[in-house]
């Protein structure tokens, strides 16, 4: 990992609603699919009590695009595995 980039981790749940998220440095973003989004600054708010998604709309949209790109990549990758017949081996 490069010293000039903050650590990034992606996560998800399959509960209803589906929840996708990314932690990028001190920021943690949740996309509650079909229900909205949340953005937290973990350095200032480690308990995740102050949702900043409406204040930091541009940053929330950027993180949502990153999640969408990851999901699209995974869908393409799984489709390729299906074509090759190697998905469930």
Protein backbone atom coordinates (compact mmCIF):
# COMPACT_ATOMS: atom_id res chain seq x y z
CA UNK A 1 0.00 0.00 0.00
CA UNK A 2 1.29 3.44 -0.88
CA UNK A 3 2.10 5.75 2.04
CA UNK A 4 0.39 8.68 0.31
CA UNK A 5 -3.01 6.92 -0.03
CA UNK A 6 -5.33 6.22 2.88
CA UNK A 7 -6.36 2.60 3.43
CA UNK A 8 -9.62 1.59 1.71
CA UNK A 9 -11.94 -1.31 2.49
CA UNK A 10 -15.22 -2.30 0.87
CA UNK A 11 -17.99 -4.19 2.66
CA UNK A 12 -21.60 -5.28 2.21
CA UNK A 13 -24.51 -7.09 3.82
CA UNK A 14 -27.27 -9.03 2.12
CA UNK A 15 -29.96 -8.18 4.64
CA UNK A 16 -33.03 -6.25 3.63
CA UNK A 17 -32.16 -3.62 2.60
CA UNK A 18 -28.87 -4.50 0.97
CA UNK A 19 -26.10 -2.35 2.39
CA UNK A 20 -22.91 -1.52 0.53
CA UNK A 21 -20.09 0.49 2.03
CA UNK A 22 -16.56 1.72 1.77
CA UNK A 23 -14.13 3.00 4.34
CA UNK A 24 -11.62 5.38 2.82
CA UNK A 25 -9.16 6.69 5.39
CA UNK A 26 -11.21 8.33 8.14
CA UNK A 27 -14.41 8.37 6.06
CA UNK A 28 -17.01 5.63 6.16
CA UNK A 29 -19.79 5.62 3.57
CA UNK A 30 -22.91 3.42 3.52
CA UNK A 31 -25.29 3.06 0.60
CA UNK A 32 -28.57 1.62 1.87
CA UNK A 33 -29.77 0.38 -1.54
CA UNK A 34 -33.15 1.90 -2.30
CA UNK A 35 -33.24 3.82 0.98
CA UNK A 36 -30.48 6.44 1.04
CA UNK A 37 -26.92 6.88 2.15
CA UNK A 38 -24.78 7.83 5.15
CA UNK A 39 -21.30 9.34 5.43
CA UNK A 40 -19.28 9.57 8.63
CA UNK A 41 -15.96 11.17 9.57
CA UNK A 42 -14.55 8.55 11.94
CA UNK A 43 -11.74 10.79 13.20
CA UNK A 44 -14.24 13.40 14.44
CA UNK A 45 -17.15 11.01 15.10
CA UNK A 46 -15.96 7.46 15.93
CA UNK A 47 -19.43 6.46 17.17
CA UNK A 48 -20.97 7.35 13.76
CA UNK A 49 -23.62 9.64 15.24
CA UNK A 50 -23.38 12.58 12.81
CA UNK A 51 -24.38 11.68 9.24
CA UNK A 52 -22.57 14.05 6.86
CA UNK A 53 -24.00 12.74 3.56
CA UNK A 54 -26.20 15.79 2.99
CA UNK A 55 -23.41 18.24 3.93
CA UNK A 56 -20.75 16.50 1.86
CA UNK A 57 -22.94 15.57 -1.10
CA UNK A 58 -20.08 15.62 -3.65
CA UNK A 59 -17.93 13.30 -1.55
CA UNK A 60 -20.87 10.95 -0.93
CA UNK A 61 -21.53 10.77 -4.68
CA UNK A 62 -17.85 10.03 -5.35
CA UNK A 63 -17.86 7.15 -2.86
CA UNK A 64 -21.15 5.82 -4.28
CA UNK A 65 -19.56 5.82 -7.76
CA UNK A 66 -16.63 3.82 -6.38
CA UNK A 67 -19.05 1.25 -4.97
CA UNK A 68 -21.02 1.11 -8.22
CA UNK A 69 -17.78 0.55 -10.17
CA UNK A 70 -16.82 -2.31 -7.86
CA UNK A 71 -20.25 -3.95 -8.26
CA UNK A 72 -20.08 -3.55 -12.06
CA UNK A 73 -16.60 -5.10 -12.11
CA UNK A 74 -17.77 -8.06 -10.02
CA UNK A 75 -20.77 -8.62 -12.30
CA UNK A 76 -18.53 -8.65 -15.39
CA UNK A 77 -16.05 -10.99 -13.68
CA UNK A 78 -18.80 -13.42 -12.63
CA UNK A 79 -20.29 -13.35 -16.15
CA UNK A 80 -16.86 -14.29 -17.55
CA UNK A 81 -16.60 -17.17 -15.09
CA UNK A 82 -20.06 -18.36 -16.16
CA UNK A 83 -19.01 -18.29 -19.83
CA UNK A 84 -15.93 -20.36 -19.02
CA UNK A 85 -17.96 -22.74 -16.88
CA UNK A 86 -15.64 -22.29 -13.91
CA UNK A 87 -17.84 -20.48 -11.42
CA UNK A 88 -18.94 -23.37 -9.17
CA UNK A 89 -15.95 -25.65 -9.29
